[in-house]
Amino acid sequence: MRSLREHGEPRPLRAAGQPSRPRHPARLPIVLRGIAIACLAASCALVFKFGIPLAEAARAADALAIKAGLGINQIAISGSRNTLSDDIFAALRLEQAGSLLTYDPASARNRLEALPWVETAEVTRTLPDGLDVNIRERRPFAVWQHLQLMFLIDAEGRTLEPTARVDHKDLPLVVGEDADSGAVQLLAVLAKHPGIRDRLLAAVRVGGRRWDLQLKDAPTLMLPEDGMADTLVWVERMDREERLLERRLAAIDLRVSGRVAFRLAPELPVAGGKLGARPSGQAPDAKNRGA
């Protein structure tokens, strides 16, 4: 069996353009078909003539098939970049494989698809003694921060593996309980508002119901539970007309329909210990009703 371990340590498998061994036709050549028939006949003879239990006779026939060259000795794997070789081999259960004739590709496929990174898998028996395994992996969609830990998640909110934020700065960051399952809907809405999306530092899930958007060089947007899309349309319009996101505000509270509250950023100290004056265009510290 071809090992995919290097110096005894597990390593991620790399996708290959072509399998490492040639594919063979799915149907049995005449000689191997004869071997299969002979093994089946031997099994039947052991059961009916000598009274040997069916399970024991099946094992004996499987052993004959392995001696005839139908054991599993070659594994060709393609499409895997992040799934560890140890996890793939464990899912294939090669130590219990028996001969190629009795190996169950469907069960192996189900076990592979239960691995975190694997979206779909295909396992094909290739004659005379191999398995062809093709894997399609899930794509990282966002980084999810939960309980001070960070994980890669896919577009379905499925956790792929622990990660560090510095390794995936290109992916959006969602924070809090249920942020993993709600990220897809949020990011789909933000895709229609690139001016806000491109400023996003983190989307914080609040109470499993709504989002706070922490923006770069802009106030935090406290979004409502309902009507999030309409609220972002209003924010973009006000930013075009009034440069809303450029004002020195700590947050814009949009949680209640028809009402906007502005939270001022702290005043900056200046030379002499006096507080700096409010900059021109500063939004008032008052509730803007009817917005």
Protein backbone atom coordinates (compact mmCIF):
# COMPACT_ATOMS: atom_id res chain seq x y z
CA MET A 1 0.00 0.00 0.00
CA ARG A 2 1.41 3.41 -0.90
CA SER A 3 1.98 5.43 2.25
CA LEU A 4 1.31 9.15 2.28
CA ARG A 5 3.22 9.74 5.51
CA GLU A 6 6.51 11.56 5.41
CA HIS A 7 9.22 10.67 7.97
CA GLY A 8 6.54 9.07 10.11
CA GLU A 9 4.61 12.34 10.63
CA PRO A 10 1.13 13.01 9.21
CA ARG A 11 0.97 15.81 6.67
CA PRO A 12 -1.83 17.35 4.58
CA LEU A 13 -2.40 15.65 1.25
CA ARG A 14 -1.80 17.79 -1.82
CA ALA A 15 -4.24 17.77 -4.70
CA ALA A 16 -2.88 16.01 -7.75
CA GLY A 17 -3.83 16.68 -11.33
CA GLN A 18 -3.77 12.99 -12.13
CA PRO A 19 -3.82 9.94 -9.87
CA SER A 20 -0.47 8.32 -9.21
CA ARG A 21 -1.44 5.09 -10.92
CA PRO A 22 -3.41 4.40 -14.12
CA ARG A 23 -7.12 3.81 -13.89
CA HIS A 24 -8.43 0.44 -15.03
CA PRO A 25 -11.82 -0.39 -16.51
CA ALA A 26 -14.53 -0.90 -13.93
CA ARG A 27 -15.57 -4.32 -15.24
CA LEU A 28 -13.55 -7.39 -14.38
CA PRO A 29 -11.28 -8.83 -17.06
CA ILE A 30 -12.10 -12.41 -17.95
CA VAL A 31 -9.34 -13.89 -15.77
CA LEU A 32 -10.24 -11.84 -12.68
CA ARG A 33 -13.90 -12.50 -13.26
CA GLY A 34 -13.06 -16.16 -13.18
CA ILE A 35 -11.22 -15.68 -9.88
CA ALA A 36 -14.27 -14.00 -8.39
CA ILE A 37 -16.52 -16.82 -9.54
CA ALA A 38 -14.10 -19.39 -8.16
CA CYS A 39 -14.02 -17.65 -4.76
CA LEU A 40 -17.79 -17.57 -4.67
CA ALA A 41 -17.97 -21.24 -5.60
CA ALA A 42 -15.45 -22.13 -2.90
CA SER A 43 -17.49 -20.21 -0.35
CA CYS A 44 -20.69 -22.00 -1.33
CA ALA A 45 -18.94 -25.38 -1.18
CA LEU A 46 -17.68 -24.72 2.34
CA VAL A 47 -21.17 -23.77 3.47
CA PHE A 48 -23.22 -26.53 1.86
CA LYS A 49 -20.79 -29.44 1.75
CA PHE A 50 -18.91 -29.07 4.99
CA GLY A 51 -21.41 -27.10 7.07
CA ILE A 52 -18.98 -24.26 7.77
CA PRO A 53 -20.75 -21.05 8.98
CA LEU A 54 -21.46 -18.55 6.24
CA ALA A 55 -19.35 -15.77 7.83
CA GLU A 56 -16.34 -18.04 8.15
CA ALA A 57 -16.75 -19.27 4.57
CA ALA A 58 -16.95 -15.66 3.33
CA ARG A 59 -13.69 -14.86 5.11
CA ALA A 60 -12.04 -17.87 3.52
CA ALA A 61 -13.25 -16.82 0.05
CA ASP A 62 -12.02 -13.28 0.67
CA ALA A 63 -8.60 -14.63 1.61
CA LEU A 64 -8.52 -16.57 -1.66
CA ALA A 65 -9.31 -13.37 -3.57
CA ILE A 66 -6.43 -11.58 -1.85
CA LYS A 67 -4.03 -14.41 -2.73
CA ALA A 68 -5.24 -14.16 -6.32
CA GLY A 69 -4.09 -10.51 -6.47
CA LEU A 70 -7.29 -8.71 -5.53
CA GLY A 71 -6.03 -7.30 -2.24
CA ILE A 72 -5.98 -3.51 -1.74
CA ASN A 73 -2.36 -2.45 -2.15
CA GLN A 74 -2.51 0.91 -3.96
CA ILE A 75 -4.30 4.12 -2.96
CA ALA A 76 -4.58 7.12 -5.32
CA ILE A 77 -5.87 10.30 -3.65
CA SER A 78 -6.66 13.60 -5.36
CA GLY A 79 -8.34 16.87 -4.42
CA SER A 80 -7.20 17.02 -0.80
CA ARG A 81 -5.24 20.03 0.44
CA ASN A 82 -6.24 20.45 4.08
CA THR A 83 -7.41 17.02 5.21
CA LEU A 84 -4.70 15.07 7.00
CA SER A 85 -3.57 11.77 5.54
CA ASP A 86 -4.17 10.00 8.85
CA ASP A 87 -7.82 11.11 8.82
CA ILE A 88 -8.31 9.88 5.26
CA PHE A 89 -6.74 6.48 5.94
CA ALA A 90 -8.77 6.13 9.15
CA ALA A 91 -11.96 6.80 7.18
CA LEU A 92 -11.01 4.24 4.52
CA ARG A 93 -10.49 1.57 7.24
CA LEU A 94 -7.90 -0.25 5.21
CA GLU A 95 -6.89 -2.50 8.09
CA GLN A 96 -10.35 -4.09 7.78
CA ALA A 97 -10.56 -3.84 4.01
CA GLY A 98 -10.24 -7.45 2.90
CA SER A 99 -10.21 -7.92 -0.86
CA LEU A 100 -11.26 -5.49 -3.56
CA LEU A 101 -14.32 -7.66 -4.20
CA THR A 102 -15.79 -7.14 -0.73
CA TYR A 103 -14.68 -3.58 -0.02
CA ASP A 104 -17.64 -1.17 0.37
CA PRO A 105 -16.90 2.16 -1.40
CA ALA A 106 -20.24 3.71 -0.37
CA SER A 107 -19.53 3.29 3.34
CA ALA A 108 -16.03 4.68 2.86
CA ARG A 109 -17.47 7.69 1.06
CA ASN A 110 -19.88 8.38 3.95
CA ARG A 111 -17.05 8.24 6.47
CA LEU A 112 -14.91 10.61 4.39
CA GLU A 113 -17.76 13.09 4.04
CA ALA A 114 -18.08 13.18 7.83
CA LEU A 115 -14.59 14.75 8.05
CA PRO A 116 -14.68 18.53 8.71
CA TRP A 117 -13.00 19.66 5.48
CA VAL A 118 -14.60 17.15 3.11
CA GLU A 119 -17.66 18.36 1.21
CA THR A 120 -17.97 15.41 -1.20
CA ALA A 121 -15.94 12.26 -1.77
CA GLU A 122 -15.86 9.54 -4.40
CA VAL A 123 -14.26 6.14 -3.78
CA THR A 124 -13.77 3.84 -6.77
CA ARG A 125 -12.29 0.35 -6.89
CA THR A 126 -9.56 0.15 -9.52
CA LEU A 127 -8.31 -3.22 -10.72
CA PRO A 128 -6.44 -5.18 -9.85
CA ASP A 129 -5.57 -3.94 -6.33
CA GLY A 130 -6.35 -0.28 -5.77
CA LEU A 131 -8.72 2.43 -4.62
CA ASP A 132 -9.14 5.80 -6.34
CA VAL A 133 -10.23 8.46 -3.85
CA ASN A 134 -11.34 11.88 -5.12
CA ILE A 135 -12.15 14.57 -2.57
CA ARG A 136 -13.71 18.00 -2.94
CA GLU A 137 -13.03 20.14 0.08
CA ARG A 138 -15.08 22.91 1.64
CA ARG A 139 -13.97 26.50 1.08
CA PRO A 140 -13.25 28.80 4.04
CA PHE A 141 -15.88 31.53 4.15
CA ALA A 142 -15.19 33.47 7.35
CA VAL A 143 -13.32 33.42 10.64
CA TRP A 144 -15.57 32.83 13.66
CA GLN A 145 -14.48 34.03 17.10
CA HIS A 146 -16.19 32.25 19.96
CA LEU A 147 -15.15 32.09 23.62
CA GLN A 148 -11.78 33.71 22.80
CA LEU A 149 -11.03 31.02 20.22
CA MET A 150 -11.07 31.39 16.44
CA PHE A 151 -12.20 28.89 13.82
CA LEU A 152 -12.46 28.74 10.06
CA ILE A 153 -16.04 28.18 8.92
CA ASP A 154 -17.54 27.48 5.51
CA ALA A 155 -20.59 29.04 3.89
CA GLU A 156 -22.89 26.67 5.78
CA GLY A 157 -21.42 27.72 9.12
CA ARG A 158 -19.65 24.39 9.50
CA THR A 159 -16.50 24.55 11.63
CA LEU A 160 -13.45 23.47 9.63
CA GLU A 161 -10.53 23.89 12.04
CA PRO A 162 -9.04 26.24 14.67
CA THR A 163 -7.10 29.13 13.17
CA ALA A 164 -5.36 32.42 13.90
CA ARG A 165 -6.78 35.68 12.63
CA VAL A 166 -3.41 36.72 11.22
CA ASP A 167 -3.48 33.73 8.87
CA HIS A 168 -6.78 34.74 7.25
CA LYS A 169 -6.95 38.52 7.17
CA ASP A 170 -8.70 38.33 3.81
CA LEU A 171 -11.77 36.65 5.37
CA PRO A 172 -14.48 38.52 7.31
CA LEU A 173 -14.52 38.12 11.10
CA VAL A 174 -17.78 37.23 12.86
CA VAL A 175 -17.92 37.19 16.63
CA GLY A 176 -20.18 35.60 19.21
CA GLU A 177 -22.57 32.74 19.76
CA ASP A 178 -24.63 31.88 16.66
CA ALA A 179 -22.42 34.16 14.54
CA ASP A 180 -21.29 31.11 12.58
CA SER A 181 -24.79 30.16 11.46
CA GLY A 182 -25.87 33.75 10.79
CA ALA A 183 -22.78 34.84 8.86
CA VAL A 184 -24.06 33.80 5.43
CA GLN A 185 -27.19 35.96 5.57
CA LEU A 186 -25.28 38.96 6.93
CA LEU A 187 -22.51 38.82 4.34
CA ALA A 188 -25.03 38.35 1.53
CA VAL A 189 -26.66 41.62 2.59
CA LEU A 190 -23.30 43.40 2.96
CA ALA A 191 -22.32 42.30 -0.56
CA LYS A 192 -24.90 44.81 -1.82
CA HIS A 193 -23.28 47.59 0.22
CA PRO A 194 -19.57 47.49 -0.66
CA GLY A 195 -18.92 50.88 0.93
CA ILE A 196 -19.78 49.39 4.31
CA ARG A 197 -18.49 45.88 3.64
CA ASP A 198 -15.02 47.12 2.70
CA ARG A 199 -14.72 48.94 6.05
CA LEU A 200 -15.79 45.92 8.10
CA LEU A 201 -13.42 44.92 10.91
CA ALA A 202 -15.78 42.56 12.73
CA ALA A 203 -19.46 41.67 12.83
CA VAL A 204 -20.54 40.99 16.41
CA ARG A 205 -23.63 38.86 17.01
CA VAL A 206 -25.77 40.25 19.85
CA GLY A 207 -28.21 38.02 21.66
CA GLY A 208 -28.48 35.68 18.69
CA ARG A 209 -30.82 38.26 17.09
CA ARG A 210 -28.94 41.16 15.54
CA TRP A 211 -25.49 42.53 14.59
CA ASP A 212 -23.10 45.29 15.56
CA LEU A 213 -20.78 46.16 12.67
CA GLN A 214 -17.39 47.42 13.80
CA LEU A 215 -15.95 49.49 10.97
CA LYS A 216 -12.48 50.78 10.20
CA ASP A 217 -12.16 54.54 10.78
CA ALA A 218 -15.93 54.81 11.17
CA PRO A 219 -18.59 54.48 13.89
CA THR A 220 -19.93 51.09 14.94
CA LEU A 221 -23.31 50.42 13.34
CA MET A 222 -25.80 48.90 15.80
CA LEU A 223 -28.22 47.23 13.40
CA PRO A 224 -31.84 46.25 14.13
CA GLU A 225 -33.10 42.71 14.37
CA ASP A 226 -35.43 43.27 11.40
CA GLY A 227 -35.01 45.52 8.39
CA MET A 228 -31.22 45.28 8.27
CA ALA A 229 -31.04 45.74 4.50
CA ASP A 230 -33.20 48.90 4.54
CA THR A 231 -31.13 50.30 7.41
CA LEU A 232 -27.90 49.88 5.45
CA VAL A 233 -29.48 51.64 2.45
CA TRP A 234 -30.21 54.60 4.73
CA VAL A 235 -26.67 54.59 6.13
CA GLU A 236 -25.14 54.64 2.65
CA ARG A 237 -27.43 57.46 1.55
CA MET A 238 -26.58 59.54 4.61
CA ASP A 239 -22.90 58.84 4.08
CA ARG A 240 -23.11 60.14 0.50
CA GLU A 241 -25.10 63.20 1.47
CA GLU A 242 -23.75 64.01 4.95
CA ARG A 243 -20.51 62.00 5.21
CA LEU A 244 -22.05 60.15 8.13
CA LEU A 245 -19.30 57.55 8.46
CA GLU A 246 -16.58 60.20 8.55
CA ARG A 247 -17.92 61.92 11.65
CA ARG A 248 -16.18 61.37 14.96
CA LEU A 249 -18.80 59.13 16.51
CA ALA A 250 -18.35 56.03 18.61
CA ALA A 251 -21.54 54.36 17.40
CA ILE A 252 -24.75 54.90 15.48
CA ASP A 253 -27.66 53.19 17.22
CA LEU A 254 -30.15 51.97 14.61
CA ARG A 255 -31.85 49.29 16.67
CA VAL A 256 -35.26 50.96 16.85
CA SER A 257 -37.15 51.56 13.62
CA GLY A 258 -37.68 55.24 12.91
CA ARG A 259 -35.14 56.41 15.48
CA VAL A 260 -31.39 56.99 15.31
CA ALA A 261 -29.17 57.75 18.30
CA PHE A 262 -25.58 58.96 18.02
CA ARG A 263 -22.92 58.11 20.57
CA LEU A 264 -20.06 60.59 20.59
CA ALA A 265 -16.46 59.49 20.53
CA PRO A 266 -14.34 60.68 23.49
CA GLU A 267 -12.89 64.16 23.13
CA LEU A 268 -9.18 64.21 22.36
CA PRO A 269 -6.83 66.05 24.77
CA VAL A 270 -4.72 68.87 23.34
CA ALA A 271 -1.62 70.73 24.51
CA GLY A 272 -2.10 72.47 27.86
CA GLY A 273 -4.43 69.81 29.15
CA LYS A 274 -7.62 71.29 27.65
CA LEU A 275 -10.08 69.15 25.79
CA GLY A 276 -10.26 69.55 22.05
CA ALA A 277 -13.29 71.24 20.62
CA ARG A 278 -15.93 69.27 18.75
CA PRO A 279 -14.91 69.14 15.06
CA SER A 280 -16.97 70.88 12.40
CA GLY A 281 -19.86 68.75 11.18
CA GLN A 282 -20.03 66.74 14.43
CA ALA A 283 -23.37 65.03 14.82
CA PRO A 284 -25.26 66.32 17.85
CA ASP A 285 -25.53 64.23 20.98
CA ALA A 286 -29.24 63.84 20.54
CA LYS A 287 -31.69 61.39 19.15
CA ASN A 288 -32.59 61.96 15.52
CA ARG A 289 -36.22 60.99 15.43
CA GLY A 290 -38.03 60.17 12.24
CA ALA A 291 -34.84 59.09 10.40
